[in-house]
């Protein structure tokens, strides 16, 4: 049963990391990592505390992002683990003629550590497998979209913030 609980806890850590990114919540993002964690998106390993401010600034310039993770393969070894997780991320960014959709497919190679009963990311390497950039075709009005008025937002403006606060 411990192995199952550890696997579920690791999956929750990976999901919370993505949520921190997509909501532009630096505190939630940092909580997914050990204090001494290193992150390497392909431009060299840096301390998590040094990466998060720049990441938040870059993400804050985008209207939205959505990171979808899947196919996580986990190898447990006591209080350490390795996980390879596929990620497809959508980014809506400003462009000269409106907005662009940047979709990136890649993988997170994470080394995790169980500290004080919690699984945290101690090292993250990102591998980009593919990407696509095109003018945004996102529609917010007309047809089916007229009835869908609850929309995702960054930080405390997101509907999930109040929903989670209800307890």
C-alpha atoms as a PDB file:
ATOM      1  CA  UNK A   1       0.000   0.000   0.000  1.00  0.00           C
ATOM      2  CA  UNK A   2       2.894   2.399   0.644  1.00  0.00           C
ATOM      3  CA  UNK A   3       3.997   2.167  -2.994  1.00  0.00           C
ATOM      4  CA  UNK A   4       0.520   3.047  -4.233  1.00  0.00           C
ATOM      5  CA  UNK A   5       0.304   5.990  -1.824  1.00  0.00           C
ATOM      6  CA  UNK A   6       3.751   7.210  -2.936  1.00  0.00           C
ATOM      7  CA  UNK A   7       2.793   7.004  -6.615  1.00  0.00           C
ATOM      8  CA  UNK A   8      -0.417   8.952  -5.984  1.00  0.00           C
ATOM      9  CA  UNK A   9       1.469  11.571  -3.956  1.00  0.00           C
ATOM     10  CA  UNK A  10       4.034  11.989  -6.744  1.00  0.00           C
ATOM     11  CA  UNK A  11       1.238  12.410  -9.310  1.00  0.00           C
ATOM     12  CA  UNK A  12      -0.348  15.079  -7.066  1.00  0.00           C
ATOM     13  CA  UNK A  13       2.980  16.939  -6.794  1.00  0.00           C
ATOM     14  CA  UNK A  14       3.381  16.951 -10.581  1.00  0.00           C
ATOM     15  CA  UNK A  15      -0.202  18.186 -11.059  1.00  0.00           C
ATOM     16  CA  UNK A  16       0.204  20.942  -8.438  1.00  0.00           C
ATOM     17  CA  UNK A  17       3.361  22.085 -10.192  1.00  0.00           C
ATOM     18  CA  UNK A  18       1.402  22.491 -13.449  1.00  0.00           C
ATOM     19  CA  UNK A  19      -1.400  24.271 -11.602  1.00  0.00           C
ATOM     20  CA  UNK A  20       1.101  26.709 -10.102  1.00  0.00           C
ATOM     21  CA  UNK A  21       2.403  27.466 -13.590  1.00  0.00           C
ATOM     22  CA  UNK A  22      -1.038  27.840 -15.190  1.00  0.00           C
ATOM     23  CA  UNK A  23      -2.458  30.031 -12.425  1.00  0.00           C
ATOM     24  CA  UNK A  24       0.769  32.079 -12.252  1.00  0.00           C
ATOM     25  CA  UNK A  25       0.976  31.201  -8.569  1.00  0.00           C
ATOM     26  CA  UNK A  26       4.643  31.388  -7.597  1.00  0.00           C
ATOM     27  CA  UNK A  27       3.966  30.120  -4.068  1.00  0.00           C
ATOM     28  CA  UNK A  28       2.129  27.014  -5.248  1.00  0.00           C
ATOM     29  CA  UNK A  29       4.798  26.356  -7.867  1.00  0.00           C
ATOM     30  CA  UNK A  30       7.613  26.678  -5.319  1.00  0.00           C
ATOM     31  CA  UNK A  31       5.770  24.306  -2.960  1.00  0.00           C
ATOM     32  CA  UNK A  32       6.190  21.487  -5.498  1.00  0.00           C
ATOM     33  CA  UNK A  33      10.002  21.676  -5.248  1.00  0.00           C
ATOM     34  CA  UNK A  34      12.611  21.125  -2.561  1.00  0.00           C
ATOM     35  CA  UNK A  35      14.263  24.382  -1.456  1.00  0.00           C
ATOM     36  CA  UNK A  36      17.531  23.313  -3.094  1.00  0.00           C
ATOM     37  CA  UNK A  37      15.931  22.002  -6.302  1.00  0.00           C
ATOM     38  CA  UNK A  38      17.589  22.569  -9.660  1.00  0.00           C
ATOM     39  CA  UNK A  39      15.653  23.187 -12.894  1.00  0.00           C
ATOM     40  CA  UNK A  40      17.085  22.918 -16.405  1.00  0.00           C
ATOM     41  CA  UNK A  41      14.749  23.811 -19.269  1.00  0.00           C
ATOM     42  CA  UNK A  42      17.609  23.211 -21.692  1.00  0.00           C
ATOM     43  CA  UNK A  43      19.541  26.403 -21.024  1.00  0.00           C
ATOM     44  CA  UNK A  44      21.497  25.170 -18.010  1.00  0.00           C
ATOM     45  CA  UNK A  45      20.630  24.111 -14.477  1.00  0.00           C
ATOM     46  CA  UNK A  46      19.592  26.857 -12.066  1.00  0.00           C
ATOM     47  CA  UNK A  47      18.207  26.975  -8.548  1.00  0.00           C
ATOM     48  CA  UNK A  48      14.408  26.889  -8.372  1.00  0.00           C
ATOM     49  CA  UNK A  49      14.395  30.179  -6.423  1.00  0.00           C
ATOM     50  CA  UNK A  50      16.222  31.829  -9.324  1.00  0.00           C
ATOM     51  CA  UNK A  51      13.969  30.307 -12.020  1.00  0.00           C
ATOM     52  CA  UNK A  52      10.514  31.077 -10.609  1.00  0.00           C
ATOM     53  CA  UNK A  53      10.604  34.923 -10.822  1.00  0.00           C
ATOM     54  CA  UNK A  54      11.581  34.860 -14.503  1.00  0.00           C
ATOM     55  CA  UNK A  55       9.078  32.118 -15.212  1.00  0.00           C
ATOM     56  CA  UNK A  56       6.278  34.116 -13.579  1.00  0.00           C
ATOM     57  CA  UNK A  57       7.231  37.222 -15.572  1.00  0.00           C
ATOM     58  CA  UNK A  58       7.206  35.306 -18.841  1.00  0.00           C
ATOM     59  CA  UNK A  59       3.952  33.523 -18.063  1.00  0.00           C
ATOM     60  CA  UNK A  60       2.379  36.756 -16.852  1.00  0.00           C
ATOM     61  CA  UNK A  61       2.875  38.238 -20.329  1.00  0.00           C
ATOM     62  CA  UNK A  62       0.677  35.452 -21.735  1.00  0.00           C
ATOM     63  CA  UNK A  63      -3.098  35.528 -21.537  1.00  0.00           C
ATOM     64  CA  UNK A  64      -3.250  31.895 -20.507  1.00  0.00           C
ATOM     65  CA  UNK A  65      -1.423  28.604 -20.408  1.00  0.00           C
ATOM     66  CA  UNK A  66      -2.614  25.080 -19.875  1.00  0.00           C
ATOM     67  CA  UNK A  67      -0.181  22.268 -19.123  1.00  0.00           C
ATOM     68  CA  UNK A  68      -1.612  18.777 -19.621  1.00  0.00           C
ATOM     69  CA  UNK A  69       0.498  15.947 -18.232  1.00  0.00           C
ATOM     70  CA  UNK A  70       0.154  12.236 -18.933  1.00  0.00           C
ATOM     71  CA  UNK A  71       1.960   8.910 -19.277  1.00  0.00           C
ATOM     72  CA  UNK A  72       4.006   9.281 -16.121  1.00  0.00           C
ATOM     73  CA  UNK A  73       6.481   6.473 -15.563  1.00  0.00           C
ATOM     74  CA  UNK A  74       7.752   6.341 -11.965  1.00  0.00           C
ATOM     75  CA  UNK A  75      10.652   4.400 -10.486  1.00  0.00           C
ATOM     76  CA  UNK A  76      10.636   4.369  -6.672  1.00  0.00           C
ATOM     77  CA  UNK A  77      13.736   3.744  -4.576  1.00  0.00           C
ATOM     78  CA  UNK A  78      12.923   4.313  -0.900  1.00  0.00           C
ATOM     79  CA  UNK A  79      12.590   8.053  -0.268  1.00  0.00           C
ATOM     80  CA  UNK A  80      13.715   8.976  -3.784  1.00  0.00           C
ATOM     81  CA  UNK A  81      12.078   8.504  -7.160  1.00  0.00           C
ATOM     82  CA  UNK A  82      12.482   9.293 -10.815  1.00  0.00           C
ATOM     83  CA  UNK A  83       9.546  10.210 -13.031  1.00  0.00           C
ATOM     84  CA  UNK A  84       9.265  10.836 -16.762  1.00  0.00           C
ATOM     85  CA  UNK A  85       6.061  12.686 -17.628  1.00  0.00           C
ATOM     86  CA  UNK A  86       4.725  13.762 -21.019  1.00  0.00           C
ATOM     87  CA  UNK A  87       3.453  17.331 -21.222  1.00  0.00           C
ATOM     88  CA  UNK A  88       1.503  19.178 -23.912  1.00  0.00           C
ATOM     89  CA  UNK A  89       1.230  22.869 -23.071  1.00  0.00           C
ATOM     90  CA  UNK A  90      -0.880  25.528 -24.754  1.00  0.00           C
ATOM     91  CA  UNK A  91       0.228  29.163 -24.489  1.00  0.00           C
ATOM     92  CA  UNK A  92      -1.882  32.104 -25.746  1.00  0.00           C
ATOM     93  CA  UNK A  93       0.560  34.940 -26.352  1.00  0.00           C
ATOM     94  CA  UNK A  94       0.331  38.472 -27.761  1.00  0.00           C
ATOM     95  CA  UNK A  95       1.202  38.692 -31.445  1.00  0.00           C
ATOM     96  CA  UNK A  96       1.375  41.619 -33.918  1.00  0.00           C
ATOM     97  CA  UNK A  97      -2.007  40.675 -35.443  1.00  0.00           C
ATOM     98  CA  UNK A  98      -3.857  39.609 -32.277  1.00  0.00           C
ATOM     99  CA  UNK A  99      -2.795  36.497 -30.437  1.00  0.00           C
ATOM    100  CA  UNK A 100      -0.845  33.360 -31.250  1.00  0.00           C
ATOM    101  CA  UNK A 101      -1.279  29.813 -29.997  1.00  0.00           C
ATOM    102  CA  UNK A 102       2.006  28.179 -29.104  1.00  0.00           C
ATOM    103  CA  UNK A 103       1.653  24.485 -28.362  1.00  0.00           C
ATOM    104  CA  UNK A 104       4.686  22.657 -27.038  1.00  0.00           C
ATOM    105  CA  UNK A 105       5.053  18.926 -26.525  1.00  0.00           C
ATOM    106  CA  UNK A 106       7.781  17.606 -24.307  1.00  0.00           C
ATOM    107  CA  UNK A 107       8.717  15.640 -21.227  1.00  0.00           C
ATOM    108  CA  UNK A 108       9.692  16.397 -17.657  1.00  0.00           C
ATOM    109  CA  UNK A 109      12.482  14.220 -16.286  1.00  0.00           C
ATOM    110  CA  UNK A 110      12.100  14.647 -12.540  1.00  0.00           C
ATOM    111  CA  UNK A 111      14.106  13.368  -9.616  1.00  0.00           C
ATOM    112  CA  UNK A 112      11.918  13.507  -6.504  1.00  0.00           C
ATOM    113  CA  UNK A 113      12.634  13.261  -2.800  1.00  0.00           C
ATOM    114  CA  UNK A 114      10.308  12.454   0.082  1.00  0.00           C
ATOM    115  CA  UNK A 115      10.886  15.107   2.716  1.00  0.00           C
ATOM    116  CA  UNK A 116       8.868  15.341   5.938  1.00  0.00           C
ATOM    117  CA  UNK A 117       6.332  12.936   4.437  1.00  0.00           C
ATOM    118  CA  UNK A 118       5.846  14.928   1.198  1.00  0.00           C
ATOM    119  CA  UNK A 119       7.116  14.108  -2.272  1.00  0.00           C
ATOM    120  CA  UNK A 120       8.846  17.116  -3.850  1.00  0.00           C
ATOM    121  CA  UNK A 121      10.730  17.680  -7.086  1.00  0.00           C
ATOM    122  CA  UNK A 122      14.467  17.913  -6.364  1.00  0.00           C
ATOM    123  CA  UNK A 123      15.643  18.147  -9.970  1.00  0.00           C
ATOM    124  CA  UNK A 124      13.800  18.829 -13.210  1.00  0.00           C
ATOM    125  CA  UNK A 125      15.134  18.460 -16.731  1.00  0.00           C
ATOM    126  CA  UNK A 126      12.847  19.487 -19.574  1.00  0.00           C
ATOM    127  CA  UNK A 127      13.026  17.824 -22.988  1.00  0.00           C
ATOM    128  CA  UNK A 128      11.183  19.525 -25.864  1.00  0.00           C
ATOM    129  CA  UNK A 129       9.957  17.033 -28.458  1.00  0.00           C
ATOM    130  CA  UNK A 130       7.917  19.297 -30.752  1.00  0.00           C
ATOM    131  CA  UNK A 131       6.125  22.641 -31.014  1.00  0.00           C
ATOM    132  CA  UNK A 132       3.571  24.443 -33.147  1.00  0.00           C
ATOM    133  CA  UNK A 133       2.830  28.155 -33.470  1.00  0.00           C
ATOM    134  CA  UNK A 134      -0.186  29.563 -35.318  1.00  0.00           C
ATOM    135  CA  UNK A 135      -2.572  32.513 -35.137  1.00  0.00           C
ATOM    136  CA  UNK A 136      -5.075  31.947 -32.352  1.00  0.00           C
ATOM    137  CA  UNK A 137      -8.458  30.609 -33.402  1.00  0.00           C
ATOM    138  CA  UNK A 138      -9.915  30.866 -29.911  1.00  0.00           C
ATOM    139  CA  UNK A 139     -13.553  31.975 -29.956  1.00  0.00           C
ATOM    140  CA  UNK A 140     -15.305  33.327 -26.860  1.00  0.00           C
ATOM    141  CA  UNK A 141     -18.621  34.289 -28.449  1.00  0.00           C
ATOM    142  CA  UNK A 142     -21.132  32.746 -30.808  1.00  0.00           C
ATOM    143  CA  UNK A 143     -22.903  29.419 -30.852  1.00  0.00           C
ATOM    144  CA  UNK A 144     -21.972  27.134 -27.998  1.00  0.00           C
ATOM    145  CA  UNK A 145     -19.519  29.666 -26.586  1.00  0.00           C
ATOM    146  CA  UNK A 146     -22.254  32.200 -25.729  1.00  0.00           C
ATOM    147  CA  UNK A 147     -23.376  29.909 -22.894  1.00  0.00           C
ATOM    148  CA  UNK A 148     -19.888  29.293 -21.534  1.00  0.00           C
ATOM    149  CA  UNK A 149     -19.351  32.446 -19.483  1.00  0.00           C
ATOM    150  CA  UNK A 150     -17.155  31.064 -16.683  1.00  0.00           C
ATOM    151  CA  UNK A 151     -13.603  31.418 -17.935  1.00  0.00           C
ATOM    152  CA  UNK A 152     -10.212  30.590 -16.531  1.00  0.00           C
ATOM    153  CA  UNK A 153      -7.966  33.407 -15.351  1.00  0.00           C
ATOM    154  CA  UNK A 154      -4.627  33.926 -13.656  1.00  0.00           C
ATOM    155  CA  UNK A 155      -4.170  33.936  -9.886  1.00  0.00           C
ATOM    156  CA  UNK A 156      -7.050  34.807  -7.594  1.00  0.00           C
ATOM    157  CA  UNK A 157      -9.313  35.782 -10.502  1.00  0.00           C
ATOM    158  CA  UNK A 158      -9.682  32.152 -11.535  1.00  0.00           C
ATOM    159  CA  UNK A 159     -13.054  30.590 -10.571  1.00  0.00           C
ATOM    160  CA  UNK A 160     -11.221  27.705  -8.872  1.00  0.00           C
ATOM    161  CA  UNK A 161      -9.797  30.078  -6.250  1.00  0.00           C
ATOM    162  CA  UNK A 162     -13.218  30.728  -4.687  1.00  0.00           C
ATOM    163  CA  UNK A 163     -14.287  27.124  -5.286  1.00  0.00           C
ATOM    164  CA  UNK A 164     -11.312  25.724  -3.316  1.00  0.00           C
ATOM    165  CA  UNK A 165     -11.804  28.334  -0.560  1.00  0.00           C
ATOM    166  CA  UNK A 166     -15.275  26.915   0.163  1.00  0.00           C
ATOM    167  CA  UNK A 167     -13.544  24.052   1.951  1.00  0.00           C
END
